[in-house]
Protein backbone atom coordinates (compact mmCIF):
# COMPACT_ATOMS: atom_id res chain seq x y z
CA MET A 1 0.00 0.00 0.00
CA ASN A 2 1.52 3.32 -1.09
CA LYS A 3 1.53 6.47 1.02
CA ARG A 4 -1.35 8.09 -0.87
CA SER A 5 -3.63 5.08 -0.33
CA LEU A 6 -2.65 4.97 3.34
CA LEU A 7 -3.59 8.63 3.82
CA ALA A 8 -6.94 8.04 2.11
CA THR A 9 -7.84 5.05 4.31
CA PRO A 10 -9.48 7.03 7.18
CA TYR A 11 -11.69 8.90 4.71
CA ILE A 12 -12.68 5.69 2.92
CA VAL A 13 -13.55 4.06 6.25
CA TRP A 14 -15.57 7.13 7.23
CA ILE A 15 -17.52 7.14 3.94
CA ILE A 16 -18.25 3.42 4.17
CA GLY A 17 -19.22 3.53 7.84
CA PHE A 18 -21.31 6.69 7.86
CA THR A 19 -22.64 6.90 4.28
CA VAL A 20 -22.63 3.59 2.43
CA LEU A 21 -23.67 1.30 5.29
CA PRO A 22 -26.57 3.50 6.48
CA ILE A 23 -27.91 3.70 2.91
CA LEU A 24 -27.62 -0.08 2.55
CA MET A 25 -29.51 -0.51 5.83
CA ILE A 26 -32.28 1.78 4.59
CA VAL A 27 -32.49 -0.21 1.33
CA PHE A 28 -32.59 -3.47 3.33
CA TYR A 29 -35.49 -2.28 5.48
CA ALA A 30 -37.28 -0.71 2.50
CA LEU A 31 -37.30 -3.99 0.57
CA GLY A 32 -38.39 -6.08 3.57
CA ASP A 33 -41.90 -6.78 4.81
CA GLY A 34 -40.94 -7.16 8.47
CA ASN A 35 -41.23 -10.95 8.32
CA GLY A 36 -38.12 -11.69 6.31
CA GLY A 37 -39.89 -11.46 2.94
CA PHE A 38 -39.22 -9.23 -0.09
CA THR A 39 -41.63 -6.46 -1.09
CA LEU A 40 -41.76 -3.20 -3.03
CA SER A 41 -44.90 -2.03 -1.25
CA ASN A 42 -42.93 0.17 1.17
CA ILE A 43 -41.44 2.17 -1.70
CA LEU A 44 -44.66 2.25 -3.73
CA ALA A 45 -46.48 3.54 -0.64
CA ILE A 46 -45.32 7.01 -1.71
CA PHE A 47 -48.23 6.95 -4.20
CA GLU A 48 -50.84 6.50 -1.47
CA PRO A 49 -53.02 9.64 -1.24
CA VAL A 50 -51.83 10.75 2.20
CA HIS A 51 -48.15 10.31 1.30
CA LEU A 52 -48.50 11.81 -2.17
CA LYS A 53 -50.33 14.83 -0.75
CA SER A 54 -47.56 15.44 1.79
CA LEU A 55 -44.90 15.05 -0.93
CA LEU A 56 -46.63 17.54 -3.24
CA LEU A 57 -47.03 20.04 -0.38
CA ALA A 58 -43.35 19.62 0.54
CA LEU A 59 -42.42 20.12 -3.12
CA TRP A 60 -44.51 23.29 -3.36
CA LEU A 61 -43.09 24.82 -0.17
CA ALA A 62 -39.54 23.85 -1.19
CA LEU A 63 -40.01 25.55 -4.57
CA LEU A 64 -41.37 28.68 -2.87
CA CYS A 65 -38.44 28.71 -0.45
CA THR A 66 -35.93 28.27 -3.29
CA VAL A 67 -37.44 31.04 -5.42
CA VAL A 68 -37.61 33.49 -2.50
CA CYS A 69 -34.02 32.69 -1.50
CA LEU A 70 -32.83 33.28 -5.07
CA LEU A 71 -34.74 36.57 -5.36
CA LEU A 72 -33.15 37.76 -2.10
CA ALA A 73 -29.67 36.36 -2.68
CA TYR A 74 -28.94 37.61 -6.20
CA PRO A 75 -29.53 41.34 -5.60
CA LEU A 76 -27.62 41.07 -2.32
CA ALA A 77 -24.70 39.40 -4.13
CA VAL A 78 -24.66 42.20 -6.73
CA ILE A 79 -24.70 44.84 -3.97
CA LEU A 80 -21.89 43.09 -2.07
CA ARG A 81 -19.82 43.07 -5.26
CA LYS A 82 -19.80 46.86 -5.27
CA LEU A 83 -18.75 47.25 -1.61
CA ASN A 84 -15.21 47.70 -0.38
CA ILE A 85 -13.38 44.85 1.35
CA GLY A 86 -14.22 46.00 4.87
CA LYS A 87 -17.94 46.26 4.22
CA LYS A 88 -17.90 42.92 2.39
CA GLY A 89 -16.39 41.28 5.46
CA LEU A 90 -19.01 42.85 7.72
CA MET A 91 -21.86 41.67 5.49
CA ALA A 92 -20.34 38.18 5.31
CA ILE A 93 -20.31 38.02 9.11
CA ILE A 94 -23.95 39.18 9.23
CA VAL A 95 -24.93 36.42 6.76
CA ILE A 96 -23.01 33.66 8.54
CA LEU A 97 -23.59 34.77 12.16
CA PRO A 98 -27.06 33.16 12.57
CA MET A 99 -25.54 29.80 11.61
CA TRP A 100 -23.50 29.91 14.83
CA VAL A 101 -26.73 29.60 16.84
CA ASN A 102 -28.39 26.23 17.33
CA PHE A 103 -30.80 25.38 14.51
CA VAL A 104 -33.72 24.53 16.81
CA LEU A 105 -33.29 27.71 18.87
CA ARG A 106 -33.41 29.84 15.73
CA ILE A 107 -36.64 28.23 14.58
CA MET A 108 -38.19 28.53 18.05
CA ALA A 109 -37.34 32.24 18.00
CA TRP A 110 -39.42 32.57 14.84
CA GLN A 111 -42.25 30.75 16.60
CA LEU A 112 -42.30 33.57 19.15
CA LEU A 113 -42.06 36.25 16.48
CA LEU A 114 -44.94 34.84 14.42
CA SER A 115 -47.33 34.01 17.26
CA ARG A 116 -50.58 35.92 17.80
CA ASN A 117 -48.98 37.90 20.65
CA GLY A 118 -45.58 38.07 18.97
CA ILE A 119 -43.44 41.04 17.97
CA ILE A 120 -44.66 41.12 14.36
CA ASN A 121 -48.31 41.48 15.40
CA ALA A 122 -47.30 44.04 18.02
CA ILE A 123 -45.66 46.16 15.30
CA LEU A 124 -48.74 45.78 13.09
CA GLY A 125 -50.88 46.94 16.02
CA VAL A 126 -48.74 50.05 16.53
CA LEU A 127 -49.12 50.83 12.81
CA GLY A 128 -52.88 50.44 13.11
CA LEU A 129 -52.96 47.32 10.95
CA PRO A 130 -54.91 44.14 11.77
CA GLY A 131 -52.93 41.30 13.33
CA GLN A 132 -52.09 38.21 11.31
CA ASP A 133 -52.17 34.67 12.67
CA LEU A 134 -49.01 33.50 10.91
CA ALA A 135 -48.10 30.75 13.37
CA ASN A 136 -48.88 27.14 12.48
CA SER A 137 -49.26 27.94 8.77
CA ASN A 138 -47.56 27.27 5.45
CA VAL A 139 -46.39 30.88 5.45
CA ALA A 140 -44.60 30.37 8.77
CA ILE A 141 -42.90 27.23 7.44
CA VAL A 142 -41.67 29.03 4.30
CA ILE A 143 -40.40 31.95 6.40
CA GLY A 144 -38.50 29.54 8.63
CA MET A 145 -37.00 27.68 5.67
CA VAL A 146 -35.96 30.90 3.93
CA TYR A 147 -34.35 32.19 7.12
CA ASP A 148 -32.47 28.94 7.64
CA TYR A 149 -31.36 28.19 4.08
CA LEU A 150 -30.79 31.69 2.66
CA PRO A 151 -27.03 31.64 3.48
CA PHE A 152 -26.67 28.48 1.39
CA MET A 153 -28.02 30.42 -1.60
CA ILE A 154 -26.08 33.61 -0.94
CA LEU A 155 -22.62 32.05 -0.72
CA PRO A 156 -22.46 30.23 -4.11
CA VAL A 157 -24.29 33.06 -5.91
CA TYR A 158 -21.95 35.63 -4.36
CA ASN A 159 -18.88 33.65 -5.44
CA ALA A 160 -20.25 33.43 -8.99
CA VAL A 161 -21.05 37.15 -9.12
CA MET A 162 -17.57 38.03 -7.83
CA GLU A 163 -16.02 36.13 -10.75
CA LEU A 164 -17.82 38.25 -13.34
CA ASN A 165 -15.54 40.19 -15.67
CA GLU A 166 -16.32 43.87 -15.14
CA ASP A 167 -15.01 44.67 -18.64
CA VAL A 168 -17.77 42.57 -20.24
CA ILE A 169 -20.44 44.41 -18.26
CA GLU A 170 -18.93 47.81 -19.04
CA ALA A 171 -18.70 46.93 -22.74
CA ALA A 172 -22.38 46.05 -22.82
CA ARG A 173 -23.31 49.32 -21.09
CA ASP A 174 -21.10 51.32 -23.48
CA LEU A 175 -22.92 49.70 -26.42
CA GLY A 176 -26.21 50.95 -25.04
CA ALA A 177 -27.53 47.78 -23.42
CA PRO A 178 -30.13 48.60 -20.75
CA LEU A 179 -29.65 47.31 -17.22
CA SER A 180 -32.30 44.63 -17.76
CA ALA A 181 -30.43 43.27 -20.80
CA VAL A 182 -27.12 43.29 -18.92
CA LEU A 183 -28.75 41.32 -16.12
CA THR A 184 -30.63 38.76 -18.24
CA LYS A 185 -28.17 38.29 -21.12
CA ILE A 186 -24.81 38.65 -19.38
CA MET A 187 -24.85 38.43 -15.60
CA ILE A 188 -27.38 35.63 -15.09
CA PRO A 189 -25.97 33.33 -17.84
CA LEU A 190 -22.41 33.79 -16.57
CA THR A 191 -23.41 33.14 -12.96
CA MET A 192 -25.66 30.17 -13.75
CA PRO A 193 -23.27 27.59 -12.16
CA GLY A 194 -23.50 29.44 -8.85
CA ILE A 195 -27.27 29.75 -9.18
CA ILE A 196 -27.61 26.01 -9.85
CA SER A 197 -25.42 25.23 -6.82
CA GLY A 198 -27.51 27.51 -4.63
CA ILE A 199 -30.77 26.01 -5.89
CA THR A 200 -29.53 22.51 -5.11
CA MET A 201 -28.28 23.47 -1.65
CA VAL A 202 -31.62 25.08 -0.76
CA PHE A 203 -34.16 22.87 -2.54
CA VAL A 204 -32.93 19.50 -1.24
CA PRO A 205 -32.97 20.30 2.51
CA SER A 206 -36.22 22.26 2.09
CA LEU A 207 -37.89 19.24 0.51
CA THR A 208 -36.73 16.81 3.19
CA THR A 209 -37.04 18.99 6.30
CA PHE A 210 -39.20 17.90 9.23
CA ALA A 211 -38.01 20.00 12.19
CA ILE A 212 -39.19 23.32 10.74
CA PRO A 213 -42.77 22.10 10.02
CA ASP A 214 -42.86 20.47 13.46
CA ILE A 215 -42.07 23.76 15.21
CA LEU A 216 -43.56 26.45 12.96
CA GLY A 217 -46.42 24.26 11.72
CA GLY A 218 -47.42 23.26 15.22
CA GLY A 219 -47.51 19.60 14.20
CA LYS A 220 -50.63 20.33 12.15
CA ILE A 221 -48.97 20.48 8.72
CA MET A 222 -47.51 17.17 7.59
CA LEU A 223 -44.78 17.23 4.98
CA ILE A 224 -43.20 14.05 3.66
CA GLY A 225 -40.26 14.52 6.04
CA ASN A 226 -42.63 14.59 9.01
CA ILE A 227 -44.32 11.37 7.91
CA ILE A 228 -40.98 9.60 7.50
CA GLU A 229 -39.81 10.87 10.90
CA GLN A 230 -43.00 9.63 12.57
CA GLU A 231 -42.72 6.20 10.96
CA PHE A 232 -39.28 5.80 12.56
CA SER A 233 -39.84 7.47 15.94
CA THR A 234 -43.54 7.03 16.73
CA SER A 235 -45.00 4.16 14.69
CA MET A 236 -41.72 2.22 14.80
CA ASN A 237 -42.46 1.03 11.26
CA TRP A 238 -38.91 1.13 9.97
CA ASN A 239 -39.81 -0.74 6.80
CA LEU A 240 -42.35 1.85 5.66
CA GLY A 241 -40.16 4.73 6.84
CA SER A 242 -37.22 3.34 4.87
CA GLY A 243 -39.39 2.78 1.80
CA LEU A 244 -40.63 6.37 1.84
CA SER A 245 -37.04 7.54 2.39
CA ILE A 246 -35.87 5.62 -0.69
CA ALA A 247 -38.74 7.04 -2.76
CA LEU A 248 -37.87 10.56 -1.60
CA MET A 249 -34.18 9.93 -2.29
CA ILE A 250 -35.02 8.85 -5.85
CA PHE A 251 -37.11 12.00 -6.32
CA VAL A 252 -34.26 14.18 -5.03
CA LEU A 253 -31.73 12.45 -7.31
CA ILE A 254 -33.98 13.01 -10.32
CA SER A 255 -34.32 16.69 -9.39
CA MET A 256 -30.54 17.06 -9.04
CA MET A 257 -29.96 15.30 -12.38
CA PHE A 258 -32.42 17.71 -13.97
CA THR A 259 -30.63 20.79 -12.61
CA VAL A 260 -27.19 19.44 -13.57
CA LYS A 261 -28.46 18.63 -17.07
CA ASN A 262 -29.81 22.16 -17.46
CA ASP A 263 -26.50 23.54 -16.23
CA GLY A 264 -24.81 21.38 -18.84
CA GLY A 265 -21.74 20.88 -16.67
CA LYS A 266 -20.04 23.55 -18.76
CA GLU A 267 -19.15 27.18 -18.40
CA SER A 268 -22.09 29.40 -19.14
CA SER A 269 -21.72 31.66 -22.12
CA VAL A 270 -23.16 35.05 -23.01
CA TRP A 271 -26.01 34.78 -25.50
């Protein structure tokens, strides 16, 4: 065994022990009927009305979260590009700082903010506006997901925007291209790899999340992640939980293949 292989051994062991083996265990349970027999019913259970409804709702909320994150992240990345180094560092700290706080605590803070007697409704009351019951709703879940996953959209988009050649943008402006044309025909195509990375990093965890709906949905809104979590922790039906996990994994892989195919795996070009 050469030195390079020896150095790689700990990483290979880690991948096998904490990635490959758990996936194989999930596949084993998914294809079993609990009595030692083989079945595909656990995977096909995703098409049952209750499971399909939760999957479609999770897909819809994940798409909303991804679109909102992109609409917030891209303008912010463009603004950061124009700032000096000191201000860029400050903004980077502001973006990353919430990630230093425990995930559950951050979501519970939003539960307090969105409640009927929370700060948001208090501000609306001061402004003379009617209060909104945002807690335990789809809106609350999307807000929580956007808050949690926005940094994962900002970072790759910001890196892509920073790599833009200023001369190309200036040339387009000198030739009379309006700002909208510069954005849609130059900046967005050239930053598409970063956009695709951000979409993947936001869409996948948004689709599979269960903690955010549990807290901000009050346990009343069931996404596919919540159903899978309950099959493992409450119903103790590991076979069905594993089958739904495999079905969701297949759906996620198809989504990722679609985004990679659209990206083309190549450098984006202008026009």
